[in-house]
N, C-alpha and C. Protein backbone atom coordinates (compact mmCIF):
# COMPACT_ATOMS: atom_id res chain seq x y z
N UNK A 1 3.30 3.48 13.28
CA UNK A 1 3.87 3.29 11.73
C UNK A 1 2.70 4.33 10.69
N UNK A 2 2.90 5.43 10.25
CA UNK A 2 1.64 5.89 10.52
C UNK A 2 0.80 5.17 8.34
N UNK A 3 -0.68 5.73 7.92
CA UNK A 3 -0.47 5.28 7.43
C UNK A 3 0.39 5.40 6.35
N UNK A 4 -0.09 4.32 4.80
CA UNK A 4 0.09 4.29 3.93
C UNK A 4 -0.44 5.13 3.16
N UNK A 5 0.04 6.05 1.50
CA UNK A 5 -0.13 7.39 1.39
C UNK A 5 -1.05 6.32 0.19
N UNK A 6 -1.74 7.51 -0.17
CA UNK A 6 -3.03 7.61 -1.38
C UNK A 6 -2.94 8.02 -2.04
N UNK A 7 -3.76 7.67 -3.45
CA UNK A 7 -2.87 8.09 -4.51
C UNK A 7 -4.37 8.61 -5.00
N UNK A 8 -4.84 9.87 -4.92
CA UNK A 8 -6.13 10.29 -5.12
C UNK A 8 -6.53 10.58 -6.51
N UNK A 9 -5.15 10.33 -7.13
CA UNK A 9 -5.79 11.02 -9.19
C UNK A 9 -5.82 9.91 -9.89
N UNK A 10 -6.50 9.39 -9.16
CA UNK A 10 -6.49 8.01 -9.63
C UNK A 10 -7.83 7.36 -9.08
N UNK A 11 -8.47 8.20 -8.55
CA UNK A 11 -10.11 7.79 -7.92
C UNK A 11 -10.38 6.97 -7.23
N UNK A 12 -9.43 6.63 -5.65
CA UNK A 12 -9.14 5.69 -5.09
C UNK A 12 -9.86 6.25 -3.88
N UNK A 13 -10.34 7.34 -3.64
CA UNK A 13 -10.20 8.08 -2.18
C UNK A 13 -11.90 7.66 -1.93
N UNK A 14 -11.61 6.56 -1.26
CA UNK A 14 -12.96 5.57 -1.17
C UNK A 14 -14.12 6.27 0.18
N UNK A 15 -14.96 6.58 0.43
CA UNK A 15 -15.68 6.27 2.43
C UNK A 15 -15.74 5.18 2.42
N UNK A 16 -15.68 5.15 3.82
CA UNK A 16 -14.88 3.64 4.74
C UNK A 16 -15.37 4.26 6.30
N UNK A 17 -17.04 3.38 6.86
CA UNK A 17 -16.78 4.37 7.58
C UNK A 17 -17.11 2.49 8.42
N UNK A 18 -15.40 2.63 9.01
CA UNK A 18 -15.15 1.07 9.52
C UNK A 18 -15.45 1.67 11.17
N UNK A 19 -15.92 0.38 11.72
CA UNK A 19 -16.14 1.00 13.24
C UNK A 19 -16.63 -0.39 14.29
N UNK A 20 -16.03 -0.43 15.09
CA UNK A 20 -16.09 -1.58 16.75
C UNK A 20 -17.64 -1.41 15.99
N UNK A 21 -18.53 -1.15 16.01
CA UNK A 21 -19.98 -1.87 15.95
C UNK A 21 -20.60 -1.89 17.26
N UNK A 22 -22.05 -1.97 16.95
CA UNK A 22 -22.42 -1.54 18.51
C UNK A 22 -22.33 -2.86 19.51
N UNK A 23 -22.37 -2.68 20.68
CA UNK A 23 -22.08 -3.61 21.81
C UNK A 23 -23.41 -3.64 22.13
N UNK A 24 -23.24 -5.70 22.20
CA UNK A 24 -24.93 -6.49 22.85
C UNK A 24 -24.96 -5.91 23.86
N UNK A 25 -26.26 -5.84 24.03
CA UNK A 25 -26.65 -4.92 25.20
C UNK A 25 -26.25 -5.81 27.29
N UNK A 26 -25.74 -5.33 27.86
CA UNK A 26 -25.56 -5.57 29.41
C UNK A 26 -23.30 -6.48 28.65
N UNK A 27 -23.40 -6.05 28.31
CA UNK A 27 -21.70 -5.86 27.62
C UNK A 27 -20.81 -5.67 27.98
N UNK A 28 -20.04 -5.77 28.41
CA UNK A 28 -18.54 -4.61 29.36
C UNK A 28 -18.02 -4.00 27.67
N UNK A 29 -17.62 -2.96 28.34
CA UNK A 29 -16.63 -2.52 27.24
C UNK A 29 -15.63 -3.33 26.87
N UNK A 30 -15.63 -3.90 28.25
CA UNK A 30 -13.73 -3.63 27.88
C UNK A 30 -13.53 -5.23 26.84
N UNK A 31 -14.48 -6.10 27.26
CA UNK A 31 -14.89 -6.93 26.28
C UNK A 31 -14.94 -7.01 25.25
N UNK A 32 -15.47 -5.86 25.06
CA UNK A 32 -16.16 -6.33 23.21
C UNK A 32 -14.76 -5.45 22.41
N UNK A 33 -14.49 -5.50 23.32
CA UNK A 33 -13.00 -4.20 23.18
C UNK A 33 -12.00 -5.56 22.64
N UNK A 34 -12.05 -6.70 23.59
CA UNK A 34 -11.72 -7.66 23.12
C UNK A 34 -11.32 -8.69 21.71
N UNK A 35 -13.02 -8.75 21.65
CA UNK A 35 -12.96 -9.14 20.97
C UNK A 35 -13.44 -8.60 19.68
N UNK A 36 -12.90 -7.35 19.83
CA UNK A 36 -12.89 -6.83 17.91
C UNK A 36 -11.18 -6.77 17.81
N UNK A 37 -10.97 -7.57 18.87
CA UNK A 37 -8.74 -6.53 19.34
C UNK A 37 -8.72 -8.45 17.92
N UNK A 38 -9.50 -8.66 16.75
CA UNK A 38 -8.70 -9.95 16.53
C UNK A 38 -7.98 -9.59 14.85
N UNK A 39 -7.75 -10.81 14.19
CA UNK A 39 -7.14 -10.39 13.05
C UNK A 39 -8.18 -10.61 11.39
N UNK A 40 -9.13 -9.92 12.54
CA UNK A 40 -11.06 -11.25 10.82
C UNK A 40 -10.21 -9.89 10.45
N UNK A 41 -9.76 -8.39 9.71
CA UNK A 41 -10.77 -7.80 9.28
C UNK A 41 -8.96 -7.96 8.20
N UNK A 42 -8.26 -8.01 9.40
CA UNK A 42 -6.72 -8.38 7.87
C UNK A 42 -7.29 -9.23 7.14
N UNK A 43 -7.12 -10.84 7.33
CA UNK A 43 -7.73 -12.42 6.77
C UNK A 43 -8.06 -11.93 5.45
N UNK A 44 -9.30 -11.58 5.76
CA UNK A 44 -10.70 -10.71 4.91
C UNK A 44 -9.75 -9.57 3.91
N UNK A 45 -9.10 -8.97 3.87
CA UNK A 45 -8.02 -8.04 3.33
C UNK A 45 -6.81 -8.73 2.78
N UNK A 46 -5.94 -9.61 3.39
CA UNK A 46 -4.91 -10.51 3.10
C UNK A 46 -6.35 -11.61 1.22
N UNK A 47 -6.72 -12.22 2.15
CA UNK A 47 -7.68 -12.98 0.86
C UNK A 47 -7.94 -12.70 -0.19
N UNK A 48 -8.09 -10.73 -0.43
CA UNK A 48 -8.42 -9.68 -1.70
C UNK A 48 -6.71 -9.26 -2.59
N UNK A 49 -5.78 -9.93 -1.41
CA UNK A 49 -4.77 -9.05 -2.47
C UNK A 49 -4.18 -10.90 -2.75
N UNK A 50 -4.45 -10.97 -2.35
CA UNK A 50 -3.58 -12.54 -2.26
C UNK A 50 -4.79 -13.20 -3.88
N UNK A 51 -6.26 -12.73 -4.38
CA UNK A 51 -6.44 -13.36 -5.12
C UNK A 51 -5.55 -12.49 -6.10
N UNK A 52 -6.18 -10.54 -6.18
CA UNK A 52 -5.66 -9.63 -7.20
C UNK A 52 -5.14 -10.72 -7.50
N UNK A 53 -4.09 -11.44 -7.11
CA UNK A 53 -2.76 -11.30 -7.55
C UNK A 53 -2.74 -12.91 -7.91
N UNK A 54 -3.48 -13.33 -8.11
CA UNK A 54 -3.67 -14.41 -8.74
C UNK A 54 -3.87 -14.84 -10.02
N UNK A 55 -5.23 -13.80 -10.49
CA UNK A 55 -5.75 -13.33 -11.57
C UNK A 55 -4.74 -11.95 -12.26
N UNK A 56 -3.61 -11.71 -11.79
CA UNK A 56 -2.76 -11.32 -12.22
C UNK A 56 -3.06 -9.84 -13.42
N UNK A 57 -2.66 -9.18 -13.74
CA UNK A 57 -2.72 -7.05 -13.81
C UNK A 57 -3.26 -8.12 -15.57
N UNK A 58 -3.72 -8.51 -16.59
CA UNK A 58 -4.09 -8.31 -17.36
C UNK A 58 -6.01 -7.66 -17.92
N UNK A 59 -5.83 -7.06 -19.22
CA UNK A 59 -7.32 -6.08 -19.47
C UNK A 59 -6.60 -5.32 -20.15
N UNK A 60 -8.22 -4.58 -20.13
CA UNK A 60 -8.39 -3.12 -20.64
C UNK A 60 -7.55 -2.49 -19.87
N UNK A 61 -7.20 -0.50 -20.62
CA UNK A 61 -6.99 0.34 -20.03
C UNK A 61 -8.52 0.46 -18.18
N UNK A 62 -9.82 0.22 -18.33
CA UNK A 62 -10.97 0.64 -18.44
C UNK A 62 -11.25 -0.69 -16.87
N UNK A 63 -9.85 -1.23 -17.02
CA UNK A 63 -10.11 -3.15 -16.01
C UNK A 63 -8.75 -2.19 -15.05
N UNK A 64 -7.84 -2.44 -15.56
CA UNK A 64 -6.39 -2.04 -15.12
C UNK A 64 -6.98 -0.39 -13.90
N UNK A 65 -7.84 0.11 -14.14
CA UNK A 65 -7.87 0.98 -12.93
C UNK A 65 -8.48 0.71 -12.31
N UNK A 66 -9.82 0.51 -12.43
CA UNK A 66 -10.59 -0.52 -11.73
C UNK A 66 -10.02 -1.19 -10.78
N UNK A 67 -9.24 -2.74 -11.01
CA UNK A 67 -7.96 -3.56 -10.35
C UNK A 67 -7.25 -2.10 -8.81
N UNK A 68 -6.81 -1.11 -9.86
CA UNK A 68 -6.50 0.19 -9.06
C UNK A 68 -6.79 0.37 -8.05
N UNK A 69 -8.44 0.62 -8.45
CA UNK A 69 -8.53 1.77 -7.09
C UNK A 69 -8.75 -0.24 -5.97
N UNK A 70 -9.90 -0.92 -6.51
CA UNK A 70 -9.58 -1.35 -5.65
C UNK A 70 -8.87 -1.79 -4.64
N UNK A 71 -7.78 -2.38 -5.40
CA UNK A 71 -5.95 -2.54 -4.22
C UNK A 71 -5.92 -1.11 -3.49
N UNK A 72 -6.53 0.02 -4.33
CA UNK A 72 -6.82 0.96 -2.73
C UNK A 72 -7.09 1.34 -1.85
N UNK A 73 -8.64 0.17 -2.22
CA UNK A 73 -9.85 0.76 -1.21
C UNK A 73 -8.75 -0.39 -0.11
N UNK A 74 -8.78 -1.39 -0.86
CA UNK A 74 -8.11 -2.98 0.00
C UNK A 74 -6.48 -1.75 1.20
N UNK A 75 -5.80 -0.95 0.69
CA UNK A 75 -4.68 -0.41 1.84
C UNK A 75 -5.82 0.96 2.40
N UNK A 76 -6.67 1.02 2.05
CA UNK A 76 -6.70 2.43 2.67
C UNK A 76 -8.01 1.62 4.08
N UNK A 77 -8.14 -0.01 3.79
CA UNK A 77 -9.49 -0.31 4.88
C UNK A 77 -8.19 -0.92 5.51
N UNK A 78 -7.01 -1.15 5.23
CA UNK A 78 -6.01 -1.64 6.37
C UNK A 78 -5.52 0.16 7.48
N UNK A 79 -5.20 0.35 6.60
CA UNK A 79 -4.97 1.62 7.84
C UNK A 79 -5.66 2.03 8.07
N UNK A 80 -7.45 1.85 8.39
CA UNK A 80 -8.76 2.11 8.66
C UNK A 80 -8.45 1.84 10.54
N UNK A 81 -8.52 0.43 9.58
CA UNK A 81 -7.72 -0.61 10.77
C UNK A 81 -6.75 -1.13 11.82
N UNK A 82 -5.60 -0.53 11.92
CA UNK A 82 -4.61 0.21 11.94
C UNK A 82 -4.94 0.35 13.52
N UNK A 83 -5.32 1.88 13.06
CA UNK A 83 -5.96 3.48 13.95
C UNK A 83 -7.15 2.01 14.91
N UNK A 84 -8.01 1.61 14.64
CA UNK A 84 -8.50 0.93 15.55
C UNK A 84 -8.29 -0.18 16.75
N UNK A 85 -7.17 -0.85 15.74
CA UNK A 85 -6.97 -2.18 16.54
C UNK A 85 -5.01 -1.21 17.46
N UNK A 86 -5.05 -0.11 17.24
CA UNK A 86 -4.06 0.61 18.11
C UNK A 86 -4.48 1.35 19.25
N UNK A 87 -6.35 1.78 19.25
CA UNK A 87 -6.97 1.84 20.13
C UNK A 87 -7.35 1.64 21.26
N UNK A 88 -8.15 0.38 20.95
CA UNK A 88 -8.73 -1.11 21.92
C UNK A 88 -7.43 -1.88 22.15
N UNK A 89 -6.85 -2.42 21.39
CA UNK A 89 -6.12 -3.99 21.47
C UNK A 89 -5.51 -3.47 23.04
N UNK A 90 -5.00 -4.26 24.23
CA UNK A 90 -4.61 -3.60 25.48
C UNK A 90 -3.22 -4.04 25.50
N UNK A 91 -2.14 -4.13 25.00
CA UNK A 91 -1.02 -4.45 24.66
C UNK A 91 -0.01 -4.40 24.08
N UNK A 92 0.96 -4.20 23.80
CA UNK A 92 1.51 -4.19 22.50
C UNK A 92 1.54 -5.58 22.13
N UNK A 93 1.91 -6.46 22.90
CA UNK A 93 1.90 -7.80 22.78
C UNK A 93 0.44 -8.34 22.33
N UNK A 94 -0.75 -7.45 21.20
CA UNK A 94 -1.52 -8.32 21.11
C UNK A 94 -1.22 -7.22 19.34
N UNK A 95 -1.12 -6.03 19.56
CA UNK A 95 -0.91 -5.36 18.58
C UNK A 95 0.45 -5.74 17.75
N UNK A 96 0.91 -5.93 18.32
CA UNK A 96 2.20 -6.31 17.60
C UNK A 96 2.60 -7.30 16.26
N UNK A 97 1.72 -8.34 16.47
CA UNK A 97 1.60 -9.07 15.51
C UNK A 97 0.49 -9.23 14.45
N UNK A 98 -0.59 -8.18 15.07
CA UNK A 98 -1.95 -7.70 14.20
C UNK A 98 -1.19 -6.42 12.62
N UNK A 99 0.35 -5.65 13.37
CA UNK A 99 0.37 -4.07 12.30
C UNK A 99 1.70 -5.40 11.85
N UNK A 100 1.21 -6.60 12.23
CA UNK A 100 3.05 -6.91 11.20
C UNK A 100 1.76 -7.79 10.18
N UNK A 101 0.77 -7.99 10.29
CA UNK A 101 0.19 -8.89 9.25
C UNK A 101 -0.57 -7.88 8.67
N UNK A 102 -1.33 -5.82 8.78
CA UNK A 102 -1.02 -4.93 8.48
C UNK A 102 -0.12 -4.68 6.98
N UNK A 103 1.21 -4.76 7.63
CA UNK A 103 2.31 -4.35 7.28
C UNK A 103 2.50 -5.08 5.63
N UNK A 104 2.93 -6.22 6.45
CA UNK A 104 2.77 -7.42 5.22
C UNK A 104 1.81 -7.12 4.50
N UNK A 105 0.61 -6.74 4.30
CA UNK A 105 -0.77 -7.20 3.54
C UNK A 105 -0.23 -6.07 2.54
N UNK A 106 -0.38 -4.59 3.45
CA UNK A 106 -0.48 -3.64 2.74
C UNK A 106 1.35 -3.17 1.32
N UNK A 107 2.17 -3.56 1.95
CA UNK A 107 3.09 -3.84 1.11
C UNK A 107 3.45 -4.59 0.20
N UNK A 108 2.88 -5.54 -0.25
CA UNK A 108 2.22 -6.48 -0.97
C UNK A 108 0.48 -6.29 -1.80
N UNK A 109 0.55 -5.21 -1.57
CA UNK A 109 -0.81 -4.41 -2.33
C UNK A 109 -0.22 -4.08 -2.80
N UNK A 110 0.49 -2.63 -2.57
CA UNK A 110 1.55 -1.80 -3.06
C UNK A 110 1.97 -2.44 -4.54
N UNK A 111 2.67 -4.09 -3.81
CA UNK A 111 4.19 -4.12 -5.27
C UNK A 111 2.56 -4.54 -6.11
N UNK A 112 1.08 -4.89 -7.04
CA UNK A 112 0.80 -5.30 -7.67
C UNK A 112 -0.21 -3.54 -7.62
N UNK A 113 0.66 -3.21 -7.79
CA UNK A 113 -0.55 -1.17 -7.57
C UNK A 113 0.92 -0.53 -8.80
N UNK A 114 2.43 -1.24 -8.03
CA UNK A 114 3.47 -1.20 -9.10
C UNK A 114 3.38 -1.65 -10.71
N UNK A 115 2.69 -2.71 -10.57
CA UNK A 115 2.64 -3.36 -11.21
C UNK A 115 1.98 -3.07 -12.14
N UNK A 116 0.53 -2.52 -11.78
CA UNK A 116 0.04 -1.57 -12.67
C UNK A 116 0.05 -0.54 -13.16
N UNK A 117 0.49 0.27 -12.44
CA UNK A 117 1.27 1.50 -13.02
C UNK A 117 2.28 1.31 -14.73
N UNK A 118 2.93 0.12 -13.94
CA UNK A 118 3.96 -0.09 -15.42
C UNK A 118 3.16 -0.75 -16.41
N UNK A 119 1.98 -1.40 -16.78
CA UNK A 119 1.25 -1.31 -17.18
C UNK A 119 0.68 -0.45 -17.93
N UNK A 120 0.28 0.68 -17.25
CA UNK A 120 -0.64 1.74 -17.55
C UNK A 120 0.31 2.57 -18.41
N UNK A 121 1.31 3.17 -17.83
CA UNK A 121 2.16 4.12 -18.04
C UNK A 121 3.47 3.19 -19.56
N UNK A 122 3.14 2.60 -20.47
CA UNK A 122 3.88 2.44 -21.17
C UNK A 122 3.75 3.14 -22.58
N UNK A 123 3.78 4.14 -22.59
CA UNK A 123 4.09 5.75 -23.73
C UNK A 123 4.67 6.41 -22.96
N UNK A 124 6.00 6.41 -21.84
CA UNK A 124 6.42 7.25 -21.14
C UNK A 124 7.12 6.26 -20.26
N UNK A 125 8.61 6.02 -20.62
CA UNK A 125 9.11 5.43 -19.66
C UNK A 125 9.92 5.41 -18.99
N UNK A 126 9.89 6.45 -18.82
CA UNK A 126 10.58 7.94 -17.37
C UNK A 126 9.73 7.15 -16.29
N UNK A 127 7.82 7.27 -16.48
CA UNK A 127 6.83 6.88 -15.86
C UNK A 127 6.82 5.72 -15.45
N UNK A 128 7.88 4.83 -16.24
CA UNK A 128 6.91 3.54 -15.99
C UNK A 128 8.61 2.67 -15.30
N UNK A 129 8.40 3.52 -14.71
CA UNK A 129 9.29 3.05 -13.93
C UNK A 129 9.76 4.13 -12.57
N UNK A 130 9.93 4.92 -13.28
CA UNK A 130 9.38 6.33 -11.43
C UNK A 130 7.73 6.29 -10.92
N UNK A 131 6.70 5.60 -11.77
CA UNK A 131 5.71 5.55 -10.28
C UNK A 131 6.18 4.62 -9.82
N UNK A 132 6.39 2.72 -10.23
CA UNK A 132 6.61 2.01 -9.60
C UNK A 132 7.07 2.49 -8.17
N UNK A 133 8.44 2.43 -8.96
CA UNK A 133 9.22 3.67 -7.95
C UNK A 133 8.98 3.77 -6.00
N UNK A 134 8.10 4.56 -6.23
CA UNK A 134 7.59 5.24 -5.80
C UNK A 134 6.69 4.23 -4.34
N UNK A 135 5.40 3.49 -5.40
CA UNK A 135 5.08 2.72 -4.69
C UNK A 135 5.86 1.57 -3.98
N UNK A 136 7.08 1.29 -4.09
CA UNK A 136 7.27 0.15 -3.88
C UNK A 136 7.84 1.06 -2.56
N UNK A 137 8.14 1.87 -2.93
CA UNK A 137 9.25 2.66 -1.33
C UNK A 137 8.46 2.62 -0.77
N UNK A 138 7.15 3.07 -0.83
CA UNK A 138 6.40 2.88 0.69
C UNK A 138 6.38 1.62 1.06
N UNK A 139 6.10 0.58 0.25
CA UNK A 139 5.78 -0.76 1.02
C UNK A 139 7.18 -1.02 1.54
N UNK A 140 8.42 -0.64 0.75
CA UNK A 140 9.81 -0.86 1.32
C UNK A 140 9.57 -0.12 3.65
N UNK A 141 9.19 0.80 3.64
CA UNK A 141 8.80 1.81 4.33
C UNK A 141 7.39 1.37 5.01
N UNK A 142 6.97 0.89 4.72
CA UNK A 142 5.76 0.07 5.77
C UNK A 142 6.24 -1.03 6.67
N UNK A 143 7.41 -1.73 5.66
CA UNK A 143 8.26 -3.15 6.15
C UNK A 143 9.33 -2.48 7.38
N UNK A 144 9.61 -1.69 7.19
CA UNK A 144 10.86 -1.16 7.70
C UNK A 144 10.79 -0.96 9.20
N UNK A 145 10.07 0.12 8.31
CA UNK A 145 8.18 0.33 9.99
C UNK A 145 8.32 0.07 11.52
N UNK A 146 8.58 -1.43 10.41
CA UNK A 146 8.02 -2.48 11.80
C UNK A 146 9.91 -3.13 12.35
N UNK A 147 10.38 -3.65 11.67
CA UNK A 147 11.35 -4.35 11.37
C UNK A 147 11.97 -3.62 12.98
N UNK A 148 12.12 -1.88 12.28
CA UNK A 148 13.12 -1.16 13.00
C UNK A 148 12.42 -1.52 14.50
N UNK A 149 11.20 -0.80 14.81
CA UNK A 149 10.30 -1.06 16.01
C UNK A 149 10.44 -2.07 16.97
N UNK A 150 10.47 -3.32 16.21
CA UNK A 150 11.47 -4.63 17.19
C UNK A 150 12.27 -4.68 17.12
N UNK A 151 13.62 -3.96 17.02
CA UNK A 151 14.88 -3.78 16.97
C UNK A 151 15.43 -5.01 15.90
N UNK A 152 15.03 -5.16 14.61
CA UNK A 152 15.77 -6.09 14.05
C UNK A 152 15.18 -7.25 14.01
N UNK A 153 14.02 -7.39 14.33
CA UNK A 153 13.45 -8.15 14.28
C UNK A 153 12.21 -8.40 12.93
N UNK A 154 12.43 -9.70 11.66
CA UNK A 154 11.70 -9.19 10.15
C UNK A 154 10.46 -10.90 11.35
N UNK A 155 9.38 -10.20 11.14
CA UNK A 155 8.13 -11.59 11.31
C UNK A 155 8.26 -12.47 10.21
N UNK A 156 7.48 -13.19 10.03
CA UNK A 156 7.55 -14.36 9.76
C UNK A 156 6.63 -13.99 7.77
N UNK A 157 5.59 -12.75 8.59
CA UNK A 157 4.28 -12.57 7.45
C UNK A 157 5.20 -12.46 7.09
N UNK A 158 6.44 -11.26 6.92
CA UNK A 158 6.92 -10.78 5.77
C UNK A 158 8.03 -11.36 4.31
N UNK A 159 7.86 -12.84 4.96
CA UNK A 159 9.04 -14.01 4.00
C UNK A 159 7.98 -14.22 3.40
N UNK A 160 7.34 -13.58 2.92
CA UNK A 160 6.61 -13.58 1.13
C UNK A 160 6.83 -12.67 0.45
N UNK A 161 5.88 -11.33 1.41
CA UNK A 161 6.46 -10.09 -0.19
C UNK A 161 8.15 -9.11 -0.01
N UNK A 162 8.70 -10.15 1.40
CA UNK A 162 10.39 -9.13 1.12
C UNK A 162 10.42 -9.29 -0.75
N UNK A 163 10.99 -10.11 -1.12
CA UNK A 163 11.39 -11.39 -2.35
C UNK A 163 10.62 -10.02 -3.55
N UNK A 164 9.50 -10.67 -3.54
CA UNK A 164 8.19 -9.53 -4.88
C UNK A 164 9.25 -8.27 -4.78
N UNK A 165 8.80 -6.58 -3.22
CA UNK A 165 9.59 -6.23 -3.69
C UNK A 165 11.36 -6.01 -4.00
N UNK A 166 12.25 -6.62 -3.68
CA UNK A 166 13.17 -6.53 -3.86
C UNK A 166 13.66 -7.00 -5.32
N UNK A 167 12.67 -7.97 -6.01
CA UNK A 167 12.58 -8.45 -7.40
C UNK A 167 11.86 -6.68 -8.13
N UNK A 168 10.82 -6.49 -7.63
CA UNK A 168 10.47 -5.84 -8.44
C UNK A 168 11.28 -4.04 -8.74
N UNK A 169 12.55 -4.21 -7.53
CA UNK A 169 12.57 -2.70 -7.63
C UNK A 169 13.84 -2.99 -8.22
N UNK A 170 14.93 -4.16 -8.68
CA UNK A 170 15.61 -4.67 -9.30
C UNK A 170 14.99 -4.01 -10.70
N UNK A 171 13.77 -4.08 -11.77
CA UNK A 171 13.93 -4.35 -12.41
C UNK A 171 13.62 -2.72 -13.31
N UNK A 172 13.04 -2.27 -12.26
CA UNK A 172 12.40 -0.32 -12.13
C UNK A 172 13.99 0.99 -11.72
N UNK A 173 15.41 0.16 -11.07
CA UNK A 173 16.05 0.42 -10.69
C UNK A 173 16.47 1.05 -9.50
N UNK A 174 15.45 1.13 -8.49
CA UNK A 174 15.28 0.84 -7.25
C UNK A 174 16.84 0.49 -6.32
N UNK A 175 16.72 1.33 -5.83
CA UNK A 175 17.85 1.30 -4.34
C UNK A 175 17.26 0.79 -3.40
N UNK A 176 17.54 -0.38 -2.99
CA UNK A 176 16.96 -0.75 -1.24
C UNK A 176 17.39 -0.59 -0.79
N UNK A 177 17.46 0.87 0.60
CA UNK A 177 18.61 0.65 1.56
C UNK A 177 18.40 -0.55 2.73
N UNK A 178 18.98 -0.55 3.58
CA UNK A 178 18.99 -1.95 4.81
C UNK A 178 17.80 -1.43 5.44
N UNK A 179 17.63 -2.49 6.33
CA UNK A 179 16.62 -1.68 7.20
C UNK A 179 16.50 -0.62 7.99
N UNK A 180 17.74 -0.65 8.40
CA UNK A 180 17.92 0.65 10.03
C UNK A 180 18.30 1.38 9.11
N UNK A 181 18.96 1.72 7.38
CA UNK A 181 18.70 2.84 7.13
C UNK A 181 17.60 3.90 6.73
N UNK A 182 16.28 2.59 6.66
CA UNK A 182 14.68 2.81 5.97
C UNK A 182 14.35 4.32 6.61
N UNK A 183 13.86 5.59 5.89
CA UNK A 183 12.94 5.83 6.38
C UNK A 183 12.66 6.64 6.18
N UNK A 184 11.41 7.14 6.41
CA UNK A 184 11.01 8.45 6.07
C UNK A 184 11.06 9.72 5.08
N UNK A 185 12.28 10.14 5.22
CA UNK A 185 13.10 10.61 4.75
C UNK A 185 13.87 9.56 3.41
N UNK A 186 14.19 8.87 3.35
CA UNK A 186 14.45 7.96 2.33
C UNK A 186 13.19 8.38 1.73
N UNK A 187 12.16 7.65 1.68
CA UNK A 187 10.61 7.55 1.05
C UNK A 187 10.48 9.12 0.16
N UNK A 188 10.68 9.57 0.92
CA UNK A 188 10.06 11.16 0.25
C UNK A 188 11.36 11.70 -0.42
N UNK A 189 12.96 10.80 -0.80
CA UNK A 189 13.61 11.76 -1.67
C UNK A 189 13.54 10.71 -2.77
N UNK A 190 13.40 9.48 -2.20
CA UNK A 190 12.59 8.02 -3.90
C UNK A 190 11.80 9.10 -5.04
N UNK A 191 10.59 10.36 -4.27
CA UNK A 191 9.20 10.69 -4.53
C UNK A 191 9.92 11.50 -4.98
N UNK A 192 10.69 12.45 -4.43
CA UNK A 192 11.34 13.75 -5.05
C UNK A 192 11.89 13.48 -6.31
N UNK A 193 12.84 12.23 -6.21
CA UNK A 193 13.90 11.93 -7.71
C UNK A 193 12.38 11.42 -8.82
N UNK A 194 11.51 10.88 -8.54
CA UNK A 194 10.91 10.59 -9.57
C UNK A 194 9.75 11.52 -9.83
N UNK A 195 9.36 12.32 -9.26
CA UNK A 195 9.07 13.13 -9.66
C UNK A 195 9.44 14.06 -10.96
N UNK A 196 10.76 14.04 -10.68
CA UNK A 196 11.92 14.89 -11.48
C UNK A 196 11.94 14.33 -13.16
N UNK A 197 11.89 12.63 -12.76
CA UNK A 197 12.29 12.05 -13.50
C UNK A 197 11.03 12.25 -14.90
N UNK A 198 9.88 11.97 -13.56
CA UNK A 198 8.59 11.97 -14.19
C UNK A 198 8.30 13.49 -15.38
N UNK A 199 8.82 14.70 -15.04
CA UNK A 199 8.13 15.99 -15.83
C UNK A 199 8.44 15.32 -16.50
N UNK A 200 10.04 15.01 -17.28
CA UNK A 200 10.28 14.91 -18.60
C UNK A 200 9.65 14.00 -19.63
N UNK A 201 8.31 13.40 -19.03
CA UNK A 201 7.43 12.60 -20.26
C UNK A 201 6.53 13.72 -20.77
N UNK A 202 6.51 13.25 -21.83
CA UNK A 202 5.02 14.52 -22.79
C UNK A 202 4.23 14.64 -22.38
N UNK A 203 3.09 15.29 -22.53
CA UNK A 203 2.37 15.76 -22.59
C UNK A 203 1.44 14.90 -23.45
N UNK A 204 0.10 14.43 -22.85
CA UNK A 204 -0.50 13.33 -24.05
C UNK A 204 -1.52 14.65 -24.32
N UNK A 205 -2.04 14.57 -25.91
CA UNK A 205 -2.42 15.19 -26.38
C UNK A 205 -3.75 15.20 -26.16
N UNK A 206 -4.56 15.75 -26.73
CA UNK A 206 -5.66 16.93 -25.75
C UNK A 206 -6.58 15.58 -26.11
N UNK A 207 -7.45 14.96 -25.49
CA UNK A 207 -8.55 14.35 -25.63
C UNK A 207 -9.98 14.13 -25.32
N UNK A 208 -10.77 13.73 -24.93
CA UNK A 208 -12.19 13.45 -24.15
C UNK A 208 -12.51 13.49 -22.53
N UNK A 209 -11.13 12.54 -22.28
CA UNK A 209 -10.85 11.77 -21.45
C UNK A 209 -9.50 11.68 -20.65
N UNK A 210 -9.09 12.23 -19.80
CA UNK A 210 -7.36 12.03 -18.87
C UNK A 210 -6.94 10.29 -19.86
N UNK A 211 -5.99 10.10 -20.74
CA UNK A 211 -5.41 9.05 -20.96
C UNK A 211 -4.68 8.56 -19.06
N UNK A 212 -4.61 7.46 -20.01
CA UNK A 212 -3.49 6.68 -17.61
C UNK A 212 -2.85 6.92 -17.86
N UNK A 213 -1.78 7.26 -18.91
CA UNK A 213 -0.81 7.90 -17.82
C UNK A 213 -1.16 9.55 -17.26
N UNK A 214 -1.48 9.87 -17.97
CA UNK A 214 -2.05 11.63 -17.20
C UNK A 214 -2.49 11.35 -15.80
N UNK A 215 -3.40 10.36 -16.34
CA UNK A 215 -3.92 10.51 -14.98
C UNK A 215 -3.34 10.11 -13.16
N UNK A 216 -2.43 8.95 -13.56
CA UNK A 216 -1.33 8.82 -12.96
C UNK A 216 -1.05 9.22 -12.74
N UNK A 217 -0.26 10.84 -13.91
CA UNK A 217 0.16 11.99 -13.49
C UNK A 217 0.16 12.48 -12.56
N UNK A 218 -1.36 13.38 -13.27
CA UNK A 218 -1.77 13.94 -11.80
C UNK A 218 -1.01 14.40 -10.54
N UNK A 219 -1.52 13.18 -10.57
CA UNK A 219 -1.01 13.20 -8.37
C UNK A 219 0.79 13.63 -8.05
N UNK A 220 1.06 14.13 -9.42
CA UNK A 220 2.59 15.06 -8.67
C UNK A 220 2.25 16.25 -8.48
N UNK A 221 0.68 16.80 -9.36
CA UNK A 221 0.68 17.97 -8.66
C UNK A 221 0.29 19.08 -6.80
């Protein structure tokens, strides 16, 4: 599964410096890798996402943008963690459940970002649906990649996030394909259609700093 897209228009690209840490004196490299191949970082990220979900997306514009950025940081950490685990876990049996947890947590985070995008783009109904649709397509693809790699088996970790994506997709008019028909090509088609729809939004009046809807739409350029 490739890394999930970032949304640089919201200044969400944080510098991450995750590593496996220094080896204790005399420790065998294989043992260090084995100890690092666990779900601790994923569990920490999942706890943060659950906390954001419990608190909802209330707040003023600045608070919503800050929350969006914090959630995007979690997704970036998970992407980085997947790369680390892919390089140090010794077998598919070790990697598979960890990758499923990463996909589930990333998809959940994307649904929260979609909620915030809806709130921030109330001035343009087209963007209010199209931008969340892009994020939900990313979330659905993250799950589908895992399911298709396991020949249709749906991990238990997905049981919470799947109905969340489905409910939000229905609200924004996004049709979710069957897992076997979900691909990067489908996701890219959703993104292209969403960009075309958002292009109909009127440009905001000039202001000293970009409005929330303008900030979110910069990603299309």
